[in-house]
PDB file of N, CA and C in Angstrom:
ATOM      1  N   MET A   1     -18.950  39.356  22.737  1.00  0.00           N
ATOM      2  CA  MET A   1     -19.790  38.261  23.173  1.00  0.00           C
ATOM      3  C   MET A   1     -18.961  36.977  23.175  1.00  0.00           C
ATOM      4  N   GLU A   2     -18.958  36.265  24.296  1.00  0.00           N
ATOM      5  CA  GLU A   2     -18.186  35.031  24.406  1.00  0.00           C
ATOM      6  C   GLU A   2     -18.998  33.848  23.908  1.00  0.00           C
ATOM      7  N   ARG A   3     -18.295  32.945  23.233  1.00  0.00           N
ATOM      8  CA  ARG A   3     -18.947  31.720  22.799  1.00  0.00           C
ATOM      9  C   ARG A   3     -18.861  30.712  23.923  1.00  0.00           C
ATOM     10  N   ASN A   4     -19.903  29.991  24.095  1.00  0.00           N
ATOM     11  CA  ASN A   4     -19.926  28.967  25.112  1.00  0.00           C
ATOM     12  C   ASN A   4     -19.602  27.629  24.445  1.00  0.00           C
ATOM     13  N   THR A   5     -18.297  27.358  24.275  1.00  0.00           N
ATOM     14  CA  THR A   5     -17.874  26.130  23.615  1.00  0.00           C
ATOM     15  C   THR A   5     -17.180  25.230  24.617  1.00  0.00           C
ATOM     16  N   MET A   6     -17.209  23.966  24.288  1.00  0.00           N
ATOM     17  CA  MET A   6     -16.526  23.002  25.146  1.00  0.00           C
ATOM     18  C   MET A   6     -15.032  23.063  24.860  1.00  0.00           C
ATOM     19  N   PRO A   7     -14.222  22.912  25.878  1.00  0.00           N
ATOM     20  CA  PRO A   7     -12.780  22.926  25.623  1.00  0.00           C
ATOM     21  C   PRO A   7     -12.374  21.707  24.801  1.00  0.00           C
ATOM     22  N   LYS A   8     -11.386  21.915  23.939  1.00  0.00           N
ATOM     23  CA  LYS A   8     -10.900  20.798  23.132  1.00  0.00           C
ATOM     24  C   LYS A   8     -10.209  19.789  24.035  1.00  0.00           C
ATOM     25  N   SER A   9     -10.360  18.543  23.672  1.00  0.00           N
ATOM     26  CA  SER A   9      -9.715  17.484  24.432  1.00  0.00           C
ATOM     27  C   SER A   9      -8.216  17.525  24.174  1.00  0.00           C
ATOM     28  N   THR A  10      -7.459  17.282  25.217  1.00  0.00           N
ATOM     29  CA  THR A  10      -6.005  17.271  25.048  1.00  0.00           C
ATOM     30  C   THR A  10      -5.499  15.861  24.770  1.00  0.00           C
ATOM     31  N   GLU A  11      -6.428  14.887  24.759  1.00  0.00           N
ATOM     32  CA  GLU A  11      -6.030  13.508  24.469  1.00  0.00           C
ATOM     33  C   GLU A  11      -5.830  13.332  22.973  1.00  0.00           C
ATOM     34  N   PRO A  12      -4.870  12.525  22.600  1.00  0.00           N
ATOM     35  CA  PRO A  12      -4.699  12.221  21.176  1.00  0.00           C
ATOM     36  C   PRO A  12      -5.930  11.481  20.641  1.00  0.00           C
ATOM     37  N   GLU A  13      -6.157  11.574  19.341  1.00  0.00           N
ATOM     38  CA  GLU A  13      -7.314  10.906  18.724  1.00  0.00           C
ATOM     39  C   GLU A  13      -7.327   9.414  19.019  1.00  0.00           C
ATOM     40  N   GLU A  14      -6.157   8.786  18.995  1.00  0.00           N
ATOM     41  CA  GLU A  14      -6.076   7.351  19.234  1.00  0.00           C
ATOM     42  C   GLU A  14      -6.648   6.989  20.599  1.00  0.00           C
ATOM     43  N   VAL A  15      -6.342   7.805  21.600  1.00  0.00           N
ATOM     44  CA  VAL A  15      -6.840   7.562  22.953  1.00  0.00           C
ATOM     45  C   VAL A  15      -8.354   7.743  22.992  1.00  0.00           C
ATOM     46  N   GLN A  16      -8.843   8.752  22.296  1.00  0.00           N
ATOM     47  CA  GLN A  16     -10.287   8.987  22.253  1.00  0.00           C
ATOM     48  C   GLN A  16     -11.011   7.801  21.611  1.00  0.00           C
ATOM     49  N   VAL A  17     -10.430   7.262  20.551  1.00  0.00           N
ATOM     50  CA  VAL A  17     -11.035   6.113  19.873  1.00  0.00           C
ATOM     51  C   VAL A  17     -11.055   4.911  20.807  1.00  0.00           C
ATOM     52  N   LEU A  18      -9.936   4.634  21.452  1.00  0.00           N
ATOM     53  CA  LEU A  18      -9.889   3.511  22.385  1.00  0.00           C
ATOM     54  C   LEU A  18     -10.895   3.691  23.515  1.00  0.00           C
ATOM     55  N   ARG A  19     -10.988   4.900  24.023  1.00  0.00           N
ATOM     56  CA  ARG A  19     -11.940   5.177  25.110  1.00  0.00           C
ATOM     57  C   ARG A  19     -13.377   4.931  24.621  1.00  0.00           C
ATOM     58  N   PHE A  20     -13.674   5.319  23.379  1.00  0.00           N
ATOM     59  CA  PHE A  20     -14.998   5.071  22.821  1.00  0.00           C
ATOM     60  C   PHE A  20     -15.321   3.583  22.865  1.00  0.00           C
ATOM     61  N   PHE A  21     -14.386   2.749  22.405  1.00  0.00           N
ATOM     62  CA  PHE A  21     -14.641   1.310  22.375  1.00  0.00           C
ATOM     63  C   PHE A  21     -14.731   0.713  23.777  1.00  0.00           C
ATOM     64  N   GLU A  22     -14.053   1.299  24.723  1.00  0.00           N
ATOM     65  CA  GLU A  22     -14.104   0.799  26.097  1.00  0.00           C
ATOM     66  C   GLU A  22     -15.384   1.207  26.813  1.00  0.00           C
ATOM     67  N   GLU A  23     -15.892   2.409  26.530  1.00  0.00           N
ATOM     68  CA  GLU A  23     -16.972   2.965  27.338  1.00  0.00           C
ATOM     69  C   GLU A  23     -18.340   2.976  26.672  1.00  0.00           C
ATOM     70  N   SER A  24     -18.411   2.829  25.371  1.00  0.00           N
ATOM     71  CA  SER A  24     -19.696   2.861  24.662  1.00  0.00           C
ATOM     72  C   SER A  24     -20.461   1.571  24.901  1.00  0.00           C
ATOM     73  N   PRO A  25     -21.778   1.628  24.709  1.00  0.00           N
ATOM     74  CA  PRO A  25     -22.557   0.386  24.780  1.00  0.00           C
ATOM     75  C   PRO A  25     -22.011  -0.609  23.753  1.00  0.00           C
ATOM     76  N   ILE A  26     -21.976  -1.880  24.134  1.00  0.00           N
ATOM     77  CA  ILE A  26     -21.341  -2.901  23.300  1.00  0.00           C
ATOM     78  C   ILE A  26     -21.947  -2.967  21.898  1.00  0.00           C
ATOM     79  N   GLU A  27     -23.249  -2.779  21.764  1.00  0.00           N
ATOM     80  CA  GLU A  27     -23.892  -2.848  20.449  1.00  0.00           C
ATOM     81  C   GLU A  27     -23.382  -1.734  19.535  1.00  0.00           C
ATOM     82  N   LYS A  28     -23.267  -0.544  20.098  1.00  0.00           N
ATOM     83  CA  LYS A  28     -22.783   0.602  19.318  1.00  0.00           C
ATOM     84  C   LYS A  28     -21.306   0.417  18.957  1.00  0.00           C
ATOM     85  N   ALA A  29     -20.491  -0.037  19.906  1.00  0.00           N
ATOM     86  CA  ALA A  29     -19.067  -0.246  19.653  1.00  0.00           C
ATOM     87  C   ALA A  29     -18.857  -1.350  18.618  1.00  0.00           C
ATOM     88  N   GLU A  30     -19.652  -2.421  18.721  1.00  0.00           N
ATOM     89  CA  GLU A  30     -19.509  -3.532  17.769  1.00  0.00           C
ATOM     90  C   GLU A  30     -19.889  -3.099  16.360  1.00  0.00           C
ATOM     91  N   LEU A  31     -20.950  -2.329  16.230  1.00  0.00           N
ATOM     92  CA  LEU A  31     -21.369  -1.825  14.925  1.00  0.00           C
ATOM     93  C   LEU A  31     -20.261  -0.980  14.292  1.00  0.00           C
ATOM     94  N   LEU A  32     -19.723  -0.058  15.066  1.00  0.00           N
ATOM     95  CA  LEU A  32     -18.663   0.794  14.550  1.00  0.00           C
ATOM     96  C   LEU A  32     -17.394  -0.013  14.248  1.00  0.00           C
ATOM     97  N   PHE A  33     -17.109  -0.994  15.099  1.00  0.00           N
ATOM     98  CA  PHE A  33     -15.944  -1.850  14.886  1.00  0.00           C
ATOM     99  C   PHE A  33     -16.043  -2.560  13.538  1.00  0.00           C
ATOM    100  N   ASN A  34     -17.234  -3.078  13.206  1.00  0.00           N
ATOM    101  CA  ASN A  34     -17.418  -3.772  11.924  1.00  0.00           C
ATOM    102  C   ASN A  34     -17.265  -2.823  10.744  1.00  0.00           C
ATOM    103  N   ILE A  35     -17.753  -1.607  10.887  1.00  0.00           N
ATOM    104  CA  ILE A  35     -17.615  -0.612   9.815  1.00  0.00           C
ATOM    105  C   ILE A  35     -16.143  -0.260   9.620  1.00  0.00           C
ATOM    106  N   VAL A  36     -15.439  -0.010  10.714  1.00  0.00           N
ATOM    107  CA  VAL A  36     -14.015   0.336  10.633  1.00  0.00           C
ATOM    108  C   VAL A  36     -13.230  -0.827  10.024  1.00  0.00           C
ATOM    109  N   GLY A  37     -13.546  -2.052  10.416  1.00  0.00           N
ATOM    110  CA  GLY A  37     -12.863  -3.226   9.859  1.00  0.00           C
ATOM    111  C   GLY A  37     -13.036  -3.316   8.349  1.00  0.00           C
ATOM    112  N   ALA A  38     -14.248  -3.085   7.867  1.00  0.00           N
ATOM    113  CA  ALA A  38     -14.514  -3.130   6.425  1.00  0.00           C
ATOM    114  C   ALA A  38     -13.736  -2.042   5.688  1.00  0.00           C
ATOM    115  N   LYS A  39     -13.713  -0.844   6.262  1.00  0.00           N
ATOM    116  CA  LYS A  39     -12.972   0.263   5.642  1.00  0.00           C
ATOM    117  C   LYS A  39     -11.472  -0.049   5.589  1.00  0.00           C
ATOM    118  N   MET A  40     -10.950  -0.625   6.659  1.00  0.00           N
ATOM    119  CA  MET A  40      -9.519  -0.948   6.692  1.00  0.00           C
ATOM    120  C   MET A  40      -9.177  -2.034   5.670  1.00  0.00           C
ATOM    121  N   ARG A  41     -10.064  -3.014   5.498  1.00  0.00           N
ATOM    122  CA  ARG A  41      -9.821  -4.046   4.476  1.00  0.00           C
ATOM    123  C   ARG A  41      -9.785  -3.423   3.086  1.00  0.00           C
ATOM    124  N   GLU A  42     -10.683  -2.459   2.824  1.00  0.00           N
ATOM    125  CA  GLU A  42     -10.679  -1.750   1.532  1.00  0.00           C
ATOM    126  C   GLU A  42      -9.365  -1.010   1.327  1.00  0.00           C
ATOM    127  N   ARG A  43      -8.929  -0.302   2.359  1.00  0.00           N
ATOM    128  CA  ARG A  43      -7.663   0.450   2.265  1.00  0.00           C
ATOM    129  C   ARG A  43      -6.494  -0.485   2.034  1.00  0.00           C
ATOM    130  N   LEU A  44      -6.488  -1.613   2.733  1.00  0.00           N
ATOM    131  CA  LEU A  44      -5.397  -2.564   2.589  1.00  0.00           C
ATOM    132  C   LEU A  44      -5.362  -3.140   1.177  1.00  0.00           C
ATOM    133  N   ALA A  45      -6.530  -3.496   0.648  1.00  0.00           N
ATOM    134  CA  ALA A  45      -6.594  -4.029  -0.716  1.00  0.00           C
ATOM    135  C   ALA A  45      -6.103  -2.988  -1.718  1.00  0.00           C
ATOM    136  N   GLU A  46      -6.525  -1.750  -1.545  1.00  0.00           N
ATOM    137  CA  GLU A  46      -6.101  -0.670  -2.441  1.00  0.00           C
ATOM    138  C   GLU A  46      -4.596  -0.436  -2.331  1.00  0.00           C
ATOM    139  N   SER A  47      -4.101  -0.432  -1.110  1.00  0.00           N
ATOM    140  CA  SER A  47      -2.677  -0.216  -0.872  1.00  0.00           C
ATOM    141  C   SER A  47      -1.848  -1.341  -1.477  1.00  0.00           C
ATOM    142  N   THR A  48      -2.300  -2.564  -1.331  1.00  0.00           N
ATOM    143  CA  THR A  48      -1.594  -3.716  -1.889  1.00  0.00           C
ATOM    144  C   THR A  48      -1.592  -3.650  -3.406  1.00  0.00           C
ATOM    145  N   LYS A  49      -2.725  -3.254  -3.991  1.00  0.00           N
ATOM    146  CA  LYS A  49      -2.822  -3.131  -5.446  1.00  0.00           C
ATOM    147  C   LYS A  49      -1.853  -2.069  -5.962  1.00  0.00           C
ATOM    148  N   GLN A  50      -1.810  -0.914  -5.291  1.00  0.00           N
ATOM    149  CA  GLN A  50      -0.916   0.163  -5.712  1.00  0.00           C
ATOM    150  C   GLN A  50       0.538  -0.255  -5.567  1.00  0.00           C
ATOM    151  N   ALA A  51       0.863  -0.975  -4.500  1.00  0.00           N
ATOM    152  CA  ALA A  51       2.236  -1.428  -4.305  1.00  0.00           C
ATOM    153  C   ALA A  51       2.625  -2.406  -5.408  1.00  0.00           C
ATOM    154  N   GLY A  52       1.710  -3.262  -5.798  1.00  0.00           N
ATOM    155  CA  GLY A  52       1.974  -4.210  -6.879  1.00  0.00           C
ATOM    156  C   GLY A  52       2.188  -3.503  -8.206  1.00  0.00           C
ATOM    157  N   GLU A  53       1.391  -2.470  -8.464  1.00  0.00           N
ATOM    158  CA  GLU A  53       1.547  -1.706  -9.703  1.00  0.00           C
ATOM    159  C   GLU A  53       2.890  -0.984  -9.718  1.00  0.00           C
ATOM    160  N   LYS A  54       3.286  -0.412  -8.594  1.00  0.00           N
ATOM    161  CA  LYS A  54       4.574   0.278  -8.518  1.00  0.00           C
ATOM    162  C   LYS A  54       5.711  -0.711  -8.738  1.00  0.00           C
ATOM    163  N   ALA A  55       5.607  -1.880  -8.140  1.00  0.00           N
ATOM    164  CA  ALA A  55       6.650  -2.889  -8.297  1.00  0.00           C
ATOM    165  C   ALA A  55       6.724  -3.335  -9.750  1.00  0.00           C
ATOM    166  N   GLY A  56       5.579  -3.475 -10.399  1.00  0.00           N
ATOM    167  CA  GLY A  56       5.558  -3.866 -11.809  1.00  0.00           C
ATOM    168  C   GLY A  56       6.229  -2.830 -12.686  1.00  0.00           C
ATOM    169  N   ARG A  57       5.968  -1.566 -12.409  1.00  0.00           N
ATOM    170  CA  ARG A  57       6.606  -0.501 -13.201  1.00  0.00           C
ATOM    171  C   ARG A  57       8.109  -0.501 -12.953  1.00  0.00           C
ATOM    172  N   ALA A  58       8.512  -0.694 -11.708  1.00  0.00           N
ATOM    173  CA  ALA A  58       9.944  -0.703 -11.390  1.00  0.00           C
ATOM    174  C   ALA A  58      10.632  -1.879 -12.074  1.00  0.00           C
ATOM    175  N   ASN A  59       9.990  -3.041 -12.069  1.00  0.00           N
ATOM    176  CA  ASN A  59      10.577  -4.207 -12.727  1.00  0.00           C
ATOM    177  C   ASN A  59      10.693  -3.976 -14.225  1.00  0.00           C
ATOM    178  N   GLY A  60       9.708  -3.332 -14.815  1.00  0.00           N
ATOM    179  CA  GLY A  60       9.757  -3.033 -16.242  1.00  0.00           C
ATOM    180  C   GLY A  60      10.904  -2.099 -16.572  1.00  0.00           C
ATOM    181  N   LYS A  61      11.136  -1.094 -15.726  1.00  0.00           N
ATOM    182  CA  LYS A  61      12.242  -0.166 -15.947  1.00  0.00           C
ATOM    183  C   LYS A  61      13.573  -0.887 -15.822  1.00  0.00           C
ATOM    184  N   ARG A  62      13.688  -1.751 -14.794  1.00  0.00           N
ATOM    185  CA  ARG A  62      14.943  -2.492 -14.610  1.00  0.00           C
ATOM    186  C   ARG A  62      15.204  -3.405 -15.797  1.00  0.00           C
ATOM    187  N   GLN A  63      14.148  -4.058 -16.290  1.00  0.00           N
ATOM    188  CA  GLN A  63      14.316  -4.967 -17.417  1.00  0.00           C
ATOM    189  C   GLN A  63      14.748  -4.195 -18.667  1.00  0.00           C
ATOM    190  N   LYS A  64      14.154  -3.032 -18.908  1.00  0.00           N
ATOM    191  CA  LYS A  64      14.540  -2.225 -20.063  1.00  0.00           C
ATOM    192  C   LYS A  64      15.995  -1.779 -19.948  1.00  0.00           C
ATOM    193  N   ARG A  65      16.389  -1.385 -18.725  1.00  0.00           N
ATOM    194  CA  ARG A  65      17.770  -0.954 -18.508  1.00  0.00           C
ATOM    195  C   ARG A  65      18.725  -2.126 -18.754  1.00  0.00           C
ATOM    196  N   ARG A  66      18.359  -3.318 -18.267  1.00  0.00           N
ATOM    197  CA  ARG A  66      19.204  -4.498 -18.437  1.00  0.00           C
ATOM    198  C   ARG A  66      19.353  -4.837 -19.923  1.00  0.00           C
ATOM    199  N   ILE A  67      18.256  -4.728 -20.671  1.00  0.00           N
ATOM    200  CA  ILE A  67      18.296  -5.019 -22.102  1.00  0.00           C
ATOM    201  C   ILE A  67      19.177  -4.007 -22.812  1.00  0.00           C
ATOM    202  N   ALA A  68      19.078  -2.734 -22.427  1.00  0.00           N
ATOM    203  CA  ALA A  68      19.892  -1.703 -23.059  1.00  0.00           C
ATOM    204  C   ALA A  68      21.378  -1.909 -22.758  1.00  0.00           C
ATOM    205  N   GLU A  69      21.685  -2.360 -21.539  1.00  0.00           N
ATOM    206  CA  GLU A  69      23.081  -2.565 -21.158  1.00  0.00           C
ATOM    207  C   GLU A  69      23.660  -3.852 -21.761  1.00  0.00           C
ATOM    208  N   ASN A  70      22.833  -4.875 -21.912  1.00  0.00           N
ATOM    209  CA  ASN A  70      23.287  -6.176 -22.420  1.00  0.00           C
ATOM    210  C   ASN A  70      22.370  -6.627 -23.548  1.00  0.00           C
ATOM    211  N   PRO A  71      22.583  -6.119 -24.751  1.00  0.00           N
ATOM    212  CA  PRO A  71      21.705  -6.505 -25.850  1.00  0.00           C
ATOM    213  C   PRO A  71      21.799  -8.008 -26.115  1.00  0.00           C
ATOM    214  N   ALA A  72      20.709  -8.572 -26.574  1.00  0.00           N
ATOM    215  CA  ALA A  72      20.654 -10.013 -26.857  1.00  0.00           C
ATOM    216  C   ALA A  72      21.579 -10.327 -28.021  1.00  0.00           C
ATOM    217  N   PRO A  73      22.179 -11.535 -28.025  1.00  0.00           N
ATOM    218  CA  PRO A  73      23.047 -11.934 -29.146  1.00  0.00           C
ATOM    219  C   PRO A  73      22.241 -12.047 -30.436  1.00  0.00           C
ATOM    220  N   GLU A  74      22.934 -11.943 -31.551  1.00  0.00           N
ATOM    221  CA  GLU A  74      22.281 -12.044 -32.856  1.00  0.00           C
ATOM    222  C   GLU A  74      21.588 -13.388 -32.986  1.00  0.00           C
ATOM    223  N   GLU A  75      20.564 -13.447 -33.822  1.00  0.00           N
ATOM    224  CA  GLU A  75      19.832 -14.682 -34.025  1.00  0.00           C
ATOM    225  C   GLU A  75      20.741 -15.734 -34.623  1.00  0.00           C
ATOM    226  N   GLY A  76      20.633 -16.950 -34.158  1.00  0.00           N
ATOM    227  CA  GLY A  76      21.473 -18.025 -34.663  1.00  0.00           C
ATOM    228  C   GLY A  76      22.795 -18.096 -33.951  1.00  0.00           C
ATOM    229  N   SER A  77      23.100 -17.152 -33.118  1.00  0.00           N
ATOM    230  CA  SER A  77      24.355 -17.140 -32.389  1.00  0.00           C
ATOM    231  C   SER A  77      24.114 -17.647 -30.989  1.00  0.00           C
ATOM    232  N   SER A  78      24.967 -18.568 -30.558  1.00  0.00           N
ATOM    233  CA  SER A  78      24.824 -19.083 -29.201  1.00  0.00           C
ATOM    234  C   SER A  78      25.888 -18.505 -28.305  1.00  0.00           C
ATOM    235  N   GLY A  79      26.633 -17.544 -28.806  1.00  0.00           N
ATOM    236  CA  GLY A  79      27.671 -16.928 -28.007  1.00  0.00           C
ATOM    237  C   GLY A  79      29.022 -17.551 -28.259  1.00  0.00           C
ATOM    238  N   GLU A  80      29.062 -18.691 -28.926  1.00  0.00           N
ATOM    239  CA  GLU A  80      30.350 -19.333 -29.228  1.00  0.00           C
ATOM    240  C   GLU A  80      30.738 -18.956 -30.639  1.00  0.00           C
ATOM    241  N   SER A  81      32.043 -18.930 -30.894  1.00  0.00           N
ATOM    242  CA  SER A  81      32.479 -18.616 -32.250  1.00  0.00           C
ATOM    243  C   SER A  81      32.290 -19.829 -33.134  1.00  0.00           C
ATOM    244  N   THR A  82      31.830 -19.588 -34.331  1.00  0.00           N
ATOM    245  CA  THR A  82      31.602 -20.698 -35.274  1.00  0.00           C
ATOM    246  C   THR A  82      32.554 -20.518 -36.438  1.00  0.00           C
ATOM    247  N   GLU A  83      33.606 -21.333 -36.436  1.00  0.00           N
ATOM    248  CA  GLU A  83      34.581 -21.270 -37.526  1.00  0.00           C
ATOM    249  C   GLU A  83      34.318 -22.433 -38.466  1.00  0.00           C
ATOM    250  N   VAL A  84      34.467 -22.155 -39.737  1.00  0.00           N
ATOM    251  CA  VAL A  84      34.308 -23.194 -40.745  1.00  0.00           C
ATOM    252  C   VAL A  84      35.682 -23.611 -41.195  1.00  0.00           C
ATOM    253  N   ASN A  85      35.984 -24.901 -41.130  1.00  0.00           N
ATOM    254  CA  ASN A  85      37.318 -25.418 -41.555  1.00  0.00           C
ATOM    255  C   ASN A  85      37.298 -25.894 -42.959  1.00  0.00           C
TER     256      ASN A  85
END
């Protein structure tokens, strides 16, 4: 028994989305546009937050490595030799 299905579109999804916005009634396209805009702002905020957290972790690792490679001078020492005459 054959299924009576519609053939899949050969257009990329991006083209289908653009065609929707071009051909749909303006009220429907505007509603969907606002929903998509809100979702994209959420994704951008989340992405920016994650990038900031990754950068913070990387900076912490670099700082720890720098401290391990160049330990701070002893307390009271300014790096100059102090000789008593």
